[in-house]
Amino acid sequence: ESIAFLGGYLEHRRKSPIGIQVLWRGWSNLRDLCQGWLLAQIYT
């Protein structure tokens, strides 16, 4: 669910299934965050 949250999934009262597009967006955002963190470690 953490990856889905990064992809824009909001847990509502009714548990709707997590879609593949939300998961892809979540993985993409996580990758971007990790790359940014690594670059910050190198240049600081």
PDB file of N, CA and C in Angstrom:
ATOM      1  N   GLU A   1       0.809  -1.188   0.000  1.00  0.00           N
ATOM      2  CA  GLU A   1       0.000   0.000   0.000  1.00  0.00           C
ATOM      3  C   GLU A   1       0.855   1.256   0.000  1.00  0.00           C
ATOM      4  N   SER A   2       2.075   1.176   0.480  1.00  0.00           N
ATOM      5  CA  SER A   2       2.934   2.361   0.485  1.00  0.00           C
ATOM      6  C   SER A   2       3.279   2.794  -0.932  1.00  0.00           C
ATOM      7  N   ILE A   3       3.563   1.836  -1.798  1.00  0.00           N
ATOM      8  CA  ILE A   3       3.859   2.161  -3.196  1.00  0.00           C
ATOM      9  C   ILE A   3       2.619   2.754  -3.853  1.00  0.00           C
ATOM     10  N   ALA A   4       1.460   2.191  -3.546  1.00  0.00           N
ATOM     11  CA  ALA A   4       0.214   2.712  -4.113  1.00  0.00           C
ATOM     12  C   ALA A   4      -0.053   4.134  -3.620  1.00  0.00           C
ATOM     13  N   PHE A   5       0.270   4.414  -2.364  1.00  0.00           N
ATOM     14  CA  PHE A   5       0.095   5.764  -1.833  1.00  0.00           C
ATOM     15  C   PHE A   5       0.968   6.756  -2.592  1.00  0.00           C
ATOM     16  N   LEU A   6       2.195   6.369  -2.917  1.00  0.00           N
ATOM     17  CA  LEU A   6       3.066   7.240  -3.710  1.00  0.00           C
ATOM     18  C   LEU A   6       2.494   7.475  -5.104  1.00  0.00           C
ATOM     19  N   GLY A   7       1.736   6.514  -5.605  1.00  0.00           N
ATOM     20  CA  GLY A   7       1.123   6.638  -6.921  1.00  0.00           C
ATOM     21  C   GLY A   7      -0.188   7.400  -6.923  1.00  0.00           C
ATOM     22  N   GLY A   8      -0.649   7.832  -5.753  1.00  0.00           N
ATOM     23  CA  GLY A   8      -1.863   8.626  -5.682  1.00  0.00           C
ATOM     24  C   GLY A   8      -3.077   7.880  -5.164  1.00  0.00           C
ATOM     25  N   TYR A   9      -2.897   6.655  -4.690  1.00  0.00           N
ATOM     26  CA  TYR A   9      -4.019   5.869  -4.172  1.00  0.00           C
ATOM     27  C   TYR A   9      -4.409   6.395  -2.799  1.00  0.00           C
ATOM     28  N   LEU A  10      -5.686   6.687  -2.636  1.00  0.00           N
ATOM     29  CA  LEU A  10      -6.202   7.128  -1.349  1.00  0.00           C
ATOM     30  C   LEU A  10      -7.131   6.050  -0.818  1.00  0.00           C
ATOM     31  N   GLU A  11      -6.851   5.585   0.383  1.00  0.00           N
ATOM     32  CA  GLU A  11      -7.675   4.537   0.977  1.00  0.00           C
ATOM     33  C   GLU A  11      -8.966   5.159   1.497  1.00  0.00           C
ATOM     34  N   HIS A  12     -10.060   4.763   0.904  1.00  0.00           N
ATOM     35  CA  HIS A  12     -11.364   5.278   1.306  1.00  0.00           C
ATOM     36  C   HIS A  12     -12.057   4.243   2.180  1.00  0.00           C
ATOM     37  N   ARG A  13     -13.255   4.569   2.549  1.00  0.00           N
ATOM     38  CA  ARG A  13     -14.012   3.654   3.390  1.00  0.00           C
ATOM     39  C   ARG A  13     -14.178   2.285   2.736  1.00  0.00           C
ATOM     40  N   ARG A  14     -14.535   2.297   1.474  1.00  0.00           N
ATOM     41  CA  ARG A  14     -14.657   1.014   0.759  1.00  0.00           C
ATOM     42  C   ARG A  14     -13.306   0.694   0.143  1.00  0.00           C
ATOM     43  N   LYS A  15     -12.873  -0.501   0.319  1.00  0.00           N
ATOM     44  CA  LYS A  15     -11.559  -0.911  -0.185  1.00  0.00           C
ATOM     45  C   LYS A  15     -11.643  -1.186  -1.672  1.00  0.00           C
ATOM     46  N   SER A  16     -11.317  -0.198  -2.479  1.00  0.00           N
ATOM     47  CA  SER A  16     -11.273  -0.429  -3.919  1.00  0.00           C
ATOM     48  C   SER A  16      -9.917  -1.040  -4.263  1.00  0.00           C
ATOM     49  N   PRO A  17      -9.871  -1.910  -5.255  1.00  0.00           N
ATOM     50  CA  PRO A  17      -8.601  -2.547  -5.605  1.00  0.00           C
ATOM     51  C   PRO A  17      -7.601  -1.530  -6.156  1.00  0.00           C
ATOM     52  N   ILE A  18      -6.345  -1.788  -5.898  1.00  0.00           N
ATOM     53  CA  ILE A  18      -5.272  -0.918  -6.368  1.00  0.00           C
ATOM     54  C   ILE A  18      -4.982  -1.275  -7.820  1.00  0.00           C
ATOM     55  N   GLY A  19      -5.026  -0.279  -8.697  1.00  0.00           N
ATOM     56  CA  GLY A  19      -4.820  -0.514 -10.120  1.00  0.00           C
ATOM     57  C   GLY A  19      -3.350  -0.545 -10.501  1.00  0.00           C
ATOM     58  N   ILE A  20      -3.081  -1.107 -11.663  1.00  0.00           N
ATOM     59  CA  ILE A  20      -1.707  -1.243 -12.139  1.00  0.00           C
ATOM     60  C   ILE A  20      -1.091   0.114 -12.457  1.00  0.00           C
ATOM     61  N   GLN A  21      -1.897   1.060 -12.952  1.00  0.00           N
ATOM     62  CA  GLN A  21      -1.365   2.392 -13.258  1.00  0.00           C
ATOM     63  C   GLN A  21      -0.912   3.109 -11.991  1.00  0.00           C
ATOM     64  N   VAL A  22      -1.658   2.945 -10.924  1.00  0.00           N
ATOM     65  CA  VAL A  22      -1.285   3.559  -9.649  1.00  0.00           C
ATOM     66  C   VAL A  22       0.021   2.958  -9.147  1.00  0.00           C
ATOM     67  N   LEU A  23       0.170   1.646  -9.295  1.00  0.00           N
ATOM     68  CA  LEU A  23       1.413   1.001  -8.860  1.00  0.00           C
ATOM     69  C   LEU A  23       2.603   1.466  -9.686  1.00  0.00           C
ATOM     70  N   TRP A  24       2.427   1.592 -10.999  1.00  0.00           N
ATOM     71  CA  TRP A  24       3.526   2.069 -11.843  1.00  0.00           C
ATOM     72  C   TRP A  24       3.926   3.485 -11.475  1.00  0.00           C
ATOM     73  N   ARG A  25       2.919   4.347 -11.230  1.00  0.00           N
ATOM     74  CA  ARG A  25       3.236   5.720 -10.819  1.00  0.00           C
ATOM     75  C   ARG A  25       3.962   5.724  -9.482  1.00  0.00           C
ATOM     76  N   GLY A  26       3.542   4.852  -8.573  1.00  0.00           N
ATOM     77  CA  GLY A  26       4.198   4.749  -7.268  1.00  0.00           C
ATOM     78  C   GLY A  26       5.644   4.309  -7.390  1.00  0.00           C
ATOM     79  N   TRP A  27       5.909   3.279  -8.204  1.00  0.00           N
ATOM     80  CA  TRP A  27       7.284   2.812  -8.409  1.00  0.00           C
ATOM     81  C   TRP A  27       8.130   3.899  -9.051  1.00  0.00           C
ATOM     82  N   SER A  28       7.544   4.633  -9.999  1.00  0.00           N
ATOM     83  CA  SER A  28       8.263   5.713 -10.663  1.00  0.00           C
ATOM     84  C   SER A  28       8.619   6.819  -9.667  1.00  0.00           C
ATOM     85  N   ASN A  29       7.673   7.182  -8.817  1.00  0.00           N
ATOM     86  CA  ASN A  29       7.945   8.205  -7.806  1.00  0.00           C
ATOM     87  C   ASN A  29       8.992   7.738  -6.805  1.00  0.00           C
ATOM     88  N   LEU A  30       8.937   6.475  -6.401  1.00  0.00           N
ATOM     89  CA  LEU A  30       9.928   5.941  -5.470  1.00  0.00           C
ATOM     90  C   LEU A  30      11.313   5.953  -6.097  1.00  0.00           C
ATOM     91  N   ARG A  31      11.410   5.579  -7.364  1.00  0.00           N
ATOM     92  CA  ARG A  31      12.695   5.614  -8.069  1.00  0.00           C
ATOM     93  C   ARG A  31      13.244   7.039  -8.123  1.00  0.00           C
ATOM     94  N   ASP A  32      12.386   8.000  -8.434  1.00  0.00           N
ATOM     95  CA  ASP A  32      12.813   9.397  -8.484  1.00  0.00           C
ATOM     96  C   ASP A  32      13.291   9.886  -7.121  1.00  0.00           C
ATOM     97  N   LEU A  33      12.575   9.514  -6.073  1.00  0.00           N
ATOM     98  CA  LEU A  33      12.990   9.907  -4.725  1.00  0.00           C
ATOM     99  C   LEU A  33      14.337   9.302  -4.355  1.00  0.00           C
ATOM    100  N   CYS A  34      14.546   8.043  -4.696  1.00  0.00           N
ATOM    101  CA  CYS A  34      15.820   7.377  -4.393  1.00  0.00           C
ATOM    102  C   CYS A  34      16.968   8.000  -5.173  1.00  0.00           C
ATOM    103  N   GLN A  35      16.745   8.299  -6.435  1.00  0.00           N
ATOM    104  CA  GLN A  35      17.794   8.933  -7.235  1.00  0.00           C
ATOM    105  C   GLN A  35      18.126  10.317  -6.689  1.00  0.00           C
ATOM    106  N   GLY A  36      17.127  11.068  -6.296  1.00  0.00           N
ATOM    107  CA  GLY A  36      17.361  12.382  -5.710  1.00  0.00           C
ATOM    108  C   GLY A  36      18.134  12.291  -4.416  1.00  0.00           C
ATOM    109  N   TRP A  37      17.800  11.305  -3.589  1.00  0.00           N
ATOM    110  CA  TRP A  37      18.504  11.117  -2.322  1.00  0.00           C
ATOM    111  C   TRP A  37      19.966  10.752  -2.575  1.00  0.00           C
ATOM    112  N   LEU A  38      20.203   9.857  -3.542  1.00  0.00           N
ATOM    113  CA  LEU A  38      21.581   9.476  -3.859  1.00  0.00           C
ATOM    114  C   LEU A  38      22.380  10.661  -4.392  1.00  0.00           C
ATOM    115  N   LEU A  39      21.780  11.470  -5.252  1.00  0.00           N
ATOM    116  CA  LEU A  39      22.469  12.657  -5.762  1.00  0.00           C
ATOM    117  C   LEU A  39      22.768  13.642  -4.641  1.00  0.00           C
ATOM    118  N   ALA A  40      21.850  13.791  -3.710  1.00  0.00           N
ATOM    119  CA  ALA A  40      22.078  14.692  -2.578  1.00  0.00           C
ATOM    120  C   ALA A  40      23.229  14.187  -1.711  1.00  0.00           C
ATOM    121  N   GLN A  41      23.362  12.874  -1.571  1.00  0.00           N
ATOM    122  CA  GLN A  41      24.458  12.309  -0.782  1.00  0.00           C
ATOM    123  C   GLN A  41      25.800  12.534  -1.462  1.00  0.00           C
ATOM    124  N   ILE A  42      25.818  12.484  -2.778  1.00  0.00           N
ATOM    125  CA  ILE A  42      27.064  12.661  -3.527  1.00  0.00           C
ATOM    126  C   ILE A  42      27.524  14.107  -3.477  1.00  0.00           C
ATOM    127  N   TYR A  43      26.611  15.047  -3.646  1.00  0.00           N
ATOM    128  CA  TYR A  43      26.974  16.451  -3.810  1.00  0.00           C
ATOM    129  C   TYR A  43      26.888  17.277  -2.534  1.00  0.00           C
ATOM    130  N   THR A  44      26.699  16.647  -1.386  1.00  0.00           N
ATOM    131  CA  THR A  44      26.711  17.411  -0.133  1.00  0.00           C
ATOM    132  C   THR A  44      27.777  16.905   0.792  1.00  0.00           C
TER     133      THR A  44
END
